[in-house]
PDB file of N, CA and C in Angstrom:
ATOM      1  N   UNK A   1      96.079 146.222 128.108  1.00  0.00           N
ATOM      2  CA  UNK A   1      95.361 145.576 127.057  1.00  0.00           C
ATOM      3  C   UNK A   1      96.086 145.763 125.723  1.00  0.00           C
ATOM      4  N   UNK A   2      96.680 146.963 125.526  1.00  0.00           N
ATOM      5  CA  UNK A   2      97.430 147.203 124.298  1.00  0.00           C
ATOM      6  C   UNK A   2      98.631 146.285 124.154  1.00  0.00           C
ATOM      7  N   UNK A   3      99.289 145.990 125.286  1.00  0.00           N
ATOM      8  CA  UNK A   3     100.428 145.070 125.272  1.00  0.00           C
ATOM      9  C   UNK A   3     100.014 143.682 124.821  1.00  0.00           C
ATOM     10  N   UNK A   4      98.891 143.185 125.294  1.00  0.00           N
ATOM     11  CA  UNK A   4      98.357 141.867 124.906  1.00  0.00           C
ATOM     12  C   UNK A   4      98.010 141.879 123.414  1.00  0.00           C
ATOM     13  N   UNK A   5      97.408 142.958 122.936  1.00  0.00           N
ATOM     14  CA  UNK A   5      97.064 143.029 121.516  1.00  0.00           C
ATOM     15  C   UNK A   5      98.322 142.980 120.636  1.00  0.00           C
ATOM     16  N   UNK A   6      99.402 143.683 121.063  1.00  0.00           N
ATOM     17  CA  UNK A   6     100.629 143.655 120.289  1.00  0.00           C
ATOM     18  C   UNK A   6     101.266 142.245 120.343  1.00  0.00           C
ATOM     19  N   UNK A   7     101.187 141.583 121.484  1.00  0.00           N
ATOM     20  CA  UNK A   7     101.735 140.238 121.613  1.00  0.00           C
ATOM     21  C   UNK A   7     100.979 139.282 120.701  1.00  0.00           C
ATOM     22  N   UNK A   8      99.659 139.384 120.643  1.00  0.00           N
ATOM     23  CA  UNK A   8      98.860 138.505 119.797  1.00  0.00           C
ATOM     24  C   UNK A   8      99.183 138.805 118.322  1.00  0.00           C
ATOM     25  N   UNK A   9      99.316 140.088 117.959  1.00  0.00           N
ATOM     26  CA  UNK A   9      99.629 140.436 116.575  1.00  0.00           C
ATOM     27  C   UNK A   9     100.999 139.889 116.173  1.00  0.00           C
ATOM     28  N   UNK A  10     101.955 139.961 117.071  1.00  0.00           N
ATOM     29  CA  UNK A  10     103.295 139.428 116.821  1.00  0.00           C
ATOM     30  C   UNK A  10     103.278 137.908 116.637  1.00  0.00           C
ATOM     31  N   UNK A  11     102.535 137.223 117.466  1.00  0.00           N
ATOM     32  CA  UNK A  11     102.433 135.759 117.350  1.00  0.00           C
ATOM     33  C   UNK A  11     101.715 135.368 116.049  1.00  0.00           C
ATOM     34  N   UNK A  12     100.722 136.114 115.658  1.00  0.00           N
ATOM     35  CA  UNK A  12     100.031 135.827 114.394  1.00  0.00           C
ATOM     36  C   UNK A  12     100.960 136.036 113.225  1.00  0.00           C
ATOM     37  N   UNK A  13     101.801 137.101 113.279  1.00  0.00           N
ATOM     38  CA  UNK A  13     102.783 137.350 112.219  1.00  0.00           C
ATOM     39  C   UNK A  13     103.766 136.188 112.129  1.00  0.00           C
ATOM     40  N   UNK A  14     104.289 135.736 113.269  1.00  0.00           N
ATOM     41  CA  UNK A  14     105.234 134.610 113.291  1.00  0.00           C
ATOM     42  C   UNK A  14     104.612 133.365 112.696  1.00  0.00           C
ATOM     43  N   UNK A  15     103.373 133.091 113.039  1.00  0.00           N
ATOM     44  CA  UNK A  15     102.689 131.901 112.534  1.00  0.00           C
ATOM     45  C   UNK A  15     102.497 132.014 111.020  1.00  0.00           C
ATOM     46  N   UNK A  16     102.146 133.205 110.509  1.00  0.00           N
ATOM     47  CA  UNK A  16     101.966 133.404 109.061  1.00  0.00           C
ATOM     48  C   UNK A  16     103.326 133.187 108.354  1.00  0.00           C
ATOM     49  N   UNK A  17     104.410 133.642 108.938  1.00  0.00           N
ATOM     50  CA  UNK A  17     105.736 133.450 108.369  1.00  0.00           C
ATOM     51  C   UNK A  17     106.128 131.974 108.335  1.00  0.00           C
ATOM     52  N   UNK A  18     105.796 131.258 109.415  1.00  0.00           N
ATOM     53  CA  UNK A  18     106.091 129.835 109.491  1.00  0.00           C
ATOM     54  C   UNK A  18     105.331 129.083 108.398  1.00  0.00           C
ATOM     55  N   UNK A  19     104.039 129.403 108.216  1.00  0.00           N
ATOM     56  CA  UNK A  19     103.251 128.739 107.186  1.00  0.00           C
ATOM     57  C   UNK A  19     103.773 129.052 105.788  1.00  0.00           C
ATOM     58  N   UNK A  20     104.184 130.317 105.577  1.00  0.00           N
ATOM     59  CA  UNK A  20     104.728 130.694 104.268  1.00  0.00           C
ATOM     60  C   UNK A  20     106.001 129.940 103.989  1.00  0.00           C
ATOM     61  N   UNK A  21     106.829 129.792 105.009  1.00  0.00           N
ATOM     62  CA  UNK A  21     108.068 129.033 104.869  1.00  0.00           C
ATOM     63  C   UNK A  21     107.825 127.584 104.486  1.00  0.00           C
ATOM     64  N   UNK A  22     106.815 126.988 105.084  1.00  0.00           N
ATOM     65  CA  UNK A  22     106.484 125.599 104.736  1.00  0.00           C
ATOM     66  C   UNK A  22     106.034 125.489 103.290  1.00  0.00           C
ATOM     67  N   UNK A  23     105.278 126.447 102.826  1.00  0.00           N
ATOM     68  CA  UNK A  23     104.782 126.449 101.445  1.00  0.00           C
ATOM     69  C   UNK A  23     105.945 126.634 100.435  1.00  0.00           C
ATOM     70  N   UNK A  24     106.963 127.394 100.814  1.00  0.00           N
ATOM     71  CA  UNK A  24     108.063 127.716  99.932  1.00  0.00           C
ATOM     72  C   UNK A  24     109.153 126.632  99.953  1.00  0.00           C
ATOM     73  N   UNK A  25     109.115 125.747 100.950  1.00  0.00           N
ATOM     74  CA  UNK A  25     110.146 124.727 101.069  1.00  0.00           C
ATOM     75  C   UNK A  25     110.079 123.763  99.883  1.00  0.00           C
ATOM     76  N   UNK A  26     111.195 123.453  99.262  1.00  0.00           N
ATOM     77  CA  UNK A  26     111.197 122.534  98.122  1.00  0.00           C
ATOM     78  C   UNK A  26     110.799 121.131  98.585  1.00  0.00           C
ATOM     79  N   UNK A  27     110.245 120.391  97.645  1.00  0.00           N
ATOM     80  CA  UNK A  27     109.835 119.007  97.940  1.00  0.00           C
ATOM     81  C   UNK A  27     111.088 118.176  98.222  1.00  0.00           C
ATOM     82  N   UNK A  28     110.983 117.213  99.114  1.00  0.00           N
ATOM     83  CA  UNK A  28     112.160 116.378  99.414  1.00  0.00           C
ATOM     84  C   UNK A  28     112.552 115.526  98.195  1.00  0.00           C
ATOM     85  N   UNK A  29     113.789 115.211  98.089  1.00  0.00           N
ATOM     86  CA  UNK A  29     114.316 114.395  96.983  1.00  0.00           C
ATOM     87  C   UNK A  29     113.759 112.994  97.075  1.00  0.00           C
ATOM     88  N   UNK A  30     113.529 112.376  95.933  1.00  0.00           N
ATOM     89  CA  UNK A  30     113.063 110.995  95.884  1.00  0.00           C
ATOM     90  C   UNK A  30     114.191 110.001  96.196  1.00  0.00           C
ATOM     91  N   UNK A  31     115.418 110.390  95.826  1.00  0.00           N
ATOM     92  CA  UNK A  31     116.579 109.525  95.985  1.00  0.00           C
ATOM     93  C   UNK A  31     117.739 110.336  96.536  1.00  0.00           C
ATOM     94  N   UNK A  32     118.594 109.677  97.310  1.00  0.00           N
ATOM     95  CA  UNK A  32     119.753 110.356  97.887  1.00  0.00           C
ATOM     96  C   UNK A  32     120.985 109.501  97.681  1.00  0.00           C
ATOM     97  N   UNK A  33     122.095 110.181  97.427  1.00  0.00           N
ATOM     98  CA  UNK A  33     123.407 109.524  97.345  1.00  0.00           C
ATOM     99  C   UNK A  33     124.215 109.952  98.541  1.00  0.00           C
ATOM    100  N   UNK A  34     124.686 108.962  99.294  1.00  0.00           N
ATOM    101  CA  UNK A  34     125.507 109.217 100.485  1.00  0.00           C
ATOM    102  C   UNK A  34     126.962 109.151 100.130  1.00  0.00           C
ATOM    103  N   UNK A  35     127.684 110.249 100.420  1.00  0.00           N
ATOM    104  CA  UNK A  35     129.094 110.321 100.122  1.00  0.00           C
ATOM    105  C   UNK A  35     129.912 109.987 101.336  1.00  0.00           C
ATOM    106  N   UNK A  36     131.159 109.585 101.101  1.00  0.00           N
ATOM    107  CA  UNK A  36     132.094 109.259 102.161  1.00  0.00           C
ATOM    108  C   UNK A  36     132.581 110.514 102.877  1.00  0.00           C
ATOM    109  N   UNK A  37     133.400 110.317 103.848  1.00  0.00           N
ATOM    110  CA  UNK A  37     133.921 111.464 104.630  1.00  0.00           C
ATOM    111  C   UNK A  37     134.750 112.406 103.770  1.00  0.00           C
ATOM    112  N   UNK A  38     135.449 111.872 102.759  1.00  0.00           N
ATOM    113  CA  UNK A  38     136.299 112.727 101.927  1.00  0.00           C
ATOM    114  C   UNK A  38     135.576 113.203 100.685  1.00  0.00           C
ATOM    115  N   UNK A  39     134.304 112.861 100.510  1.00  0.00           N
ATOM    116  CA  UNK A  39     133.451 113.291  99.392  1.00  0.00           C
ATOM    117  C   UNK A  39     133.931 112.744  98.032  1.00  0.00           C
ATOM    118  N   UNK A  40     134.956 111.906  98.011  1.00  0.00           N
ATOM    119  CA  UNK A  40     135.420 111.327  96.750  1.00  0.00           C
ATOM    120  C   UNK A  40     134.738 110.031  96.412  1.00  0.00           C
ATOM    121  N   UNK A  41     134.287 109.297  97.397  1.00  0.00           N
ATOM    122  CA  UNK A  41     133.644 108.022  97.131  1.00  0.00           C
ATOM    123  C   UNK A  41     132.172 108.067  97.548  1.00  0.00           C
ATOM    124  N   UNK A  42     131.372 107.226  96.935  1.00  0.00           N
ATOM    125  CA  UNK A  42     129.968 107.129  97.218  1.00  0.00           C
ATOM    126  C   UNK A  42     129.782 105.897  98.115  1.00  0.00           C
ATOM    127  N   UNK A  43     129.121 106.087  99.265  1.00  0.00           N
ATOM    128  CA  UNK A  43     128.968 105.002 100.208  1.00  0.00           C
ATOM    129  C   UNK A  43     127.661 104.231 100.056  1.00  0.00           C
ATOM    130  N   UNK A  44     126.571 104.903  99.667  1.00  0.00           N
ATOM    131  CA  UNK A  44     125.284 104.188  99.605  1.00  0.00           C
ATOM    132  C   UNK A  44     124.274 105.026  98.826  1.00  0.00           C
ATOM    133  N   UNK A  45     123.192 104.341  98.433  1.00  0.00           N
ATOM    134  CA  UNK A  45     122.042 104.960  97.790  1.00  0.00           C
ATOM    135  C   UNK A  45     120.863 104.827  98.772  1.00  0.00           C
ATOM    136  N   UNK A  46     120.040 105.856  98.899  1.00  0.00           N
ATOM    137  CA  UNK A  46     118.918 105.820  99.826  1.00  0.00           C
ATOM    138  C   UNK A  46     117.643 106.296  99.096  1.00  0.00           C
ATOM    139  N   UNK A  47     116.507 105.850  99.641  1.00  0.00           N
ATOM    140  CA  UNK A  47     115.210 106.449  99.273  1.00  0.00           C
ATOM    141  C   UNK A  47     115.152 107.786 100.010  1.00  0.00           C
ATOM    142  N   UNK A  48     114.491 108.774  99.416  1.00  0.00           N
ATOM    143  CA  UNK A  48     114.481 110.138  99.938  1.00  0.00           C
ATOM    144  C   UNK A  48     114.191 110.307 101.419  1.00  0.00           C
ATOM    145  N   UNK A  49     113.276 109.578 101.992  1.00  0.00           N
ATOM    146  CA  UNK A  49     112.928 109.785 103.389  1.00  0.00           C
ATOM    147  C   UNK A  49     113.611 108.889 104.366  1.00  0.00           C
ATOM    148  N   UNK A  50     114.685 108.256 103.967  1.00  0.00           N
ATOM    149  CA  UNK A  50     115.365 107.244 104.838  1.00  0.00           C
ATOM    150  C   UNK A  50     115.936 107.932 106.100  1.00  0.00           C
ATOM    151  N   UNK A  51     115.656 107.347 107.240  1.00  0.00           N
ATOM    152  CA  UNK A  51     116.157 107.865 108.505  1.00  0.00           C
ATOM    153  C   UNK A  51     117.653 107.738 108.609  1.00  0.00           C
ATOM    154  N   UNK A  52     118.214 106.698 108.025  1.00  0.00           N
ATOM    155  CA  UNK A  52     119.668 106.504 108.083  1.00  0.00           C
ATOM    156  C   UNK A  52     120.379 107.572 107.269  1.00  0.00           C
ATOM    157  N   UNK A  53     119.794 107.978 106.171  1.00  0.00           N
ATOM    158  CA  UNK A  53     120.380 109.037 105.346  1.00  0.00           C
ATOM    159  C   UNK A  53     120.410 110.372 106.127  1.00  0.00           C
ATOM    160  N   UNK A  54     119.299 110.632 106.802  1.00  0.00           N
ATOM    161  CA  UNK A  54     119.231 111.892 107.589  1.00  0.00           C
ATOM    162  C   UNK A  54     120.272 111.869 108.693  1.00  0.00           C
ATOM    163  N   UNK A  55     120.467 110.698 109.286  1.00  0.00           N
ATOM    164  CA  UNK A  55     121.396 110.579 110.403  1.00  0.00           C
ATOM    165  C   UNK A  55     122.853 110.800 109.939  1.00  0.00           C
ATOM    166  N   UNK A  56     123.169 110.349 108.719  1.00  0.00           N
ATOM    167  CA  UNK A  56     124.574 110.452 108.240  1.00  0.00           C
ATOM    168  C   UNK A  56     124.944 111.888 107.957  1.00  0.00           C
ATOM    169  N   UNK A  57     124.041 112.693 107.414  1.00  0.00           N
ATOM    170  CA  UNK A  57     124.328 114.063 107.094  1.00  0.00           C
ATOM    171  C   UNK A  57     125.239 114.280 105.905  1.00  0.00           C
ATOM    172  N   UNK A  58     125.551 113.208 105.172  1.00  0.00           N
ATOM    173  CA  UNK A  58     126.478 113.306 104.038  1.00  0.00           C
ATOM    174  C   UNK A  58     125.775 112.945 102.737  1.00  0.00           C
ATOM    175  N   UNK A  59     124.465 113.223 102.635  1.00  0.00           N
ATOM    176  CA  UNK A  59     123.710 112.837 101.440  1.00  0.00           C
ATOM    177  C   UNK A  59     123.376 114.064 100.600  1.00  0.00           C
ATOM    178  N   UNK A  60     123.268 113.795  99.323  1.00  0.00           N
ATOM    179  CA  UNK A  60     122.862 114.818  98.350  1.00  0.00           C
ATOM    180  C   UNK A  60     121.712 114.259  97.511  1.00  0.00           C
ATOM    181  N   UNK A  61     120.791 115.138  97.081  1.00  0.00           N
ATOM    182  CA  UNK A  61     119.696 114.692  96.243  1.00  0.00           C
ATOM    183  C   UNK A  61     120.201 114.103  94.918  1.00  0.00           C
ATOM    184  N   UNK A  62     119.444 113.132  94.399  1.00  0.00           N
ATOM    185  CA  UNK A  62     119.803 112.507  93.136  1.00  0.00           C
ATOM    186  C   UNK A  62     118.533 112.267  92.335  1.00  0.00           C
ATOM    187  N   UNK A  63     118.711 112.179  91.043  1.00  0.00           N
ATOM    188  CA  UNK A  63     117.590 111.808  90.163  1.00  0.00           C
ATOM    189  C   UNK A  63     117.471 110.285  90.164  1.00  0.00           C
ATOM    190  N   UNK A  64     116.392 109.804  89.603  1.00  0.00           N
ATOM    191  CA  UNK A  64     116.181 108.366  89.495  1.00  0.00           C
ATOM    192  C   UNK A  64     117.307 107.738  88.661  1.00  0.00           C
ATOM    193  N   UNK A  65     117.653 108.375  87.572  1.00  0.00           N
ATOM    194  CA  UNK A  65     118.716 107.839  86.717  1.00  0.00           C
ATOM    195  C   UNK A  65     120.073 107.807  87.423  1.00  0.00           C
ATOM    196  N   UNK A  66     120.373 108.838  88.214  1.00  0.00           N
ATOM    197  CA  UNK A  66     121.604 108.866  88.947  1.00  0.00           C
ATOM    198  C   UNK A  66     121.683 107.743  89.980  1.00  0.00           C
ATOM    199  N   UNK A  67     120.538 107.483  90.629  1.00  0.00           N
ATOM    200  CA  UNK A  67     120.476 106.396  91.611  1.00  0.00           C
ATOM    201  C   UNK A  67     120.632 105.059  90.932  1.00  0.00           C
ATOM    202  N   UNK A  68     119.950 104.871  89.813  1.00  0.00           N
ATOM    203  CA  UNK A  68     120.088 103.603  89.043  1.00  0.00           C
ATOM    204  C   UNK A  68     121.504 103.395  88.554  1.00  0.00           C
ATOM    205  N   UNK A  69     122.129 104.430  88.027  1.00  0.00           N
ATOM    206  CA  UNK A  69     123.510 104.332  87.564  1.00  0.00           C
ATOM    207  C   UNK A  69     124.438 103.941  88.702  1.00  0.00           C
ATOM    208  N   UNK A  70     124.266 104.547  89.848  1.00  0.00           N
ATOM    209  CA  UNK A  70     125.107 104.242  90.990  1.00  0.00           C
ATOM    210  C   UNK A  70     124.954 102.786  91.403  1.00  0.00           C
ATOM    211  N   UNK A  71     123.703 102.306  91.454  1.00  0.00           N
ATOM    212  CA  UNK A  71     123.485 100.905  91.799  1.00  0.00           C
ATOM    213  C   UNK A  71     124.111  99.953  90.766  1.00  0.00           C
ATOM    214  N   UNK A  72     123.983 100.298  89.507  1.00  0.00           N
ATOM    215  CA  UNK A  72     124.590  99.483  88.421  1.00  0.00           C
ATOM    216  C   UNK A  72     126.121  99.478  88.541  1.00  0.00           C
ATOM    217  N   UNK A  73     126.686 100.535  89.068  1.00  0.00           N
ATOM    218  CA  UNK A  73     128.154 100.638  89.208  1.00  0.00           C
ATOM    219  C   UNK A  73     128.657 100.111  90.527  1.00  0.00           C
ATOM    220  N   UNK A  74     127.810  99.387  91.242  1.00  0.00           N
ATOM    221  CA  UNK A  74     128.264  98.698  92.464  1.00  0.00           C
ATOM    222  C   UNK A  74     128.138  99.468  93.768  1.00  0.00           C
ATOM    223  N   UNK A  75     127.496 100.632  93.749  1.00  0.00           N
ATOM    224  CA  UNK A  75     127.260 101.340  95.003  1.00  0.00           C
ATOM    225  C   UNK A  75     126.207 100.540  95.785  1.00  0.00           C
ATOM    226  N   UNK A  76     126.455 100.271  97.033  1.00  0.00           N
ATOM    227  CA  UNK A  76     125.517  99.443  97.785  1.00  0.00           C
ATOM    228  C   UNK A  76     124.224 100.202  98.134  1.00  0.00           C
ATOM    229  N   UNK A  77     123.100  99.516  98.113  1.00  0.00           N
ATOM    230  CA  UNK A  77     121.845 100.140  98.555  1.00  0.00           C
ATOM    231  C   UNK A  77     121.804 100.150 100.074  1.00  0.00           C
ATOM    232  N   UNK A  78     121.100 101.102 100.634  1.00  0.00           N
ATOM    233  CA  UNK A  78     120.886 101.149 102.070  1.00  0.00           C
ATOM    234  C   UNK A  78     120.154  99.900 102.526  1.00  0.00           C
ATOM    235  N   UNK A  79     120.581  99.305 103.603  1.00  0.00           N
ATOM    236  CA  UNK A  79     119.920  98.079 104.057  1.00  0.00           C
ATOM    237  C   UNK A  79     118.610  98.364 104.789  1.00  0.00           C
ATOM    238  N   UNK A  80     118.367  99.651 105.126  1.00  0.00           N
ATOM    239  CA  UNK A  80     117.172 100.023 105.853  1.00  0.00           C
ATOM    240  C   UNK A  80     116.038 100.376 104.906  1.00  0.00           C
ATOM    241  N   UNK A  81     116.299 101.209 103.910  1.00  0.00           N
ATOM    242  CA  UNK A  81     115.191 101.700 103.045  1.00  0.00           C
ATOM    243  C   UNK A  81     115.115 100.929 101.729  1.00  0.00           C
ATOM    244  N   UNK A  82     116.109 100.145 101.381  1.00  0.00           N
ATOM    245  CA  UNK A  82     116.124  99.278 100.188  1.00  0.00           C
ATOM    246  C   UNK A  82     115.756  99.979  98.901  1.00  0.00           C
ATOM    247  N   UNK A  83     116.556 100.970  98.463  1.00  0.00           N
ATOM    248  CA  UNK A  83     116.216 101.692  97.230  1.00  0.00           C
ATOM    249  C   UNK A  83     116.288 100.793  96.007  1.00  0.00           C
ATOM    250  N   UNK A  84     117.078  99.720  96.060  1.00  0.00           N
ATOM    251  CA  UNK A  84     117.154  98.814  94.922  1.00  0.00           C
ATOM    252  C   UNK A  84     115.769  98.159  94.664  1.00  0.00           C
ATOM    253  N   UNK A  85     115.072  97.827  95.724  1.00  0.00           N
ATOM    254  CA  UNK A  85     113.721  97.264  95.586  1.00  0.00           C
ATOM    255  C   UNK A  85     112.776  98.307  95.022  1.00  0.00           C
ATOM    256  N   UNK A  86     112.822  99.527  95.564  1.00  0.00           N
ATOM    257  CA  UNK A  86     111.948 100.577  95.098  1.00  0.00           C
ATOM    258  C   UNK A  86     112.227 100.956  93.613  1.00  0.00           C
ATOM    259  N   UNK A  87     113.485 100.822  93.195  1.00  0.00           N
ATOM    260  CA  UNK A  87     113.853 101.104  91.825  1.00  0.00           C
ATOM    261  C   UNK A  87     113.660  99.918  90.873  1.00  0.00           C
ATOM    262  N   UNK A  88     113.318  98.759  91.467  1.00  0.00           N
ATOM    263  CA  UNK A  88     113.052  97.583  90.652  1.00  0.00           C
ATOM    264  C   UNK A  88     114.306  96.821  90.222  1.00  0.00           C
ATOM    265  N   UNK A  89     115.418  97.041  90.919  1.00  0.00           N
ATOM    266  CA  UNK A  89     116.646  96.341  90.570  1.00  0.00           C
ATOM    267  C   UNK A  89     117.061  95.290  91.565  1.00  0.00           C
ATOM    268  N   UNK A  90     116.341  95.193  92.681  1.00  0.00           N
ATOM    269  CA  UNK A  90     116.773  94.275  93.710  1.00  0.00           C
ATOM    270  C   UNK A  90     115.784  93.286  94.143  1.00  0.00           C
TER     271      UNK A  90
END
């Protein structure tokens, strides 16, 4: 019975740690900039939750102004999440 009690206590501790981690996790970015393989060029702009951005793995968070500037400078918007529409430029 003591072994079961320790197992339950350990599982409750793990669950509390998991919940605390979720609370401490920063909010996802509203906008993402996708960089090329060499990190020198910018390939696309994405809305924060875009599945294509997650799949590429080469995105960094951006502010609204950074995303707008990139679009104004000819960086293409993602064809899936359409950040240009969300930003009011497309």
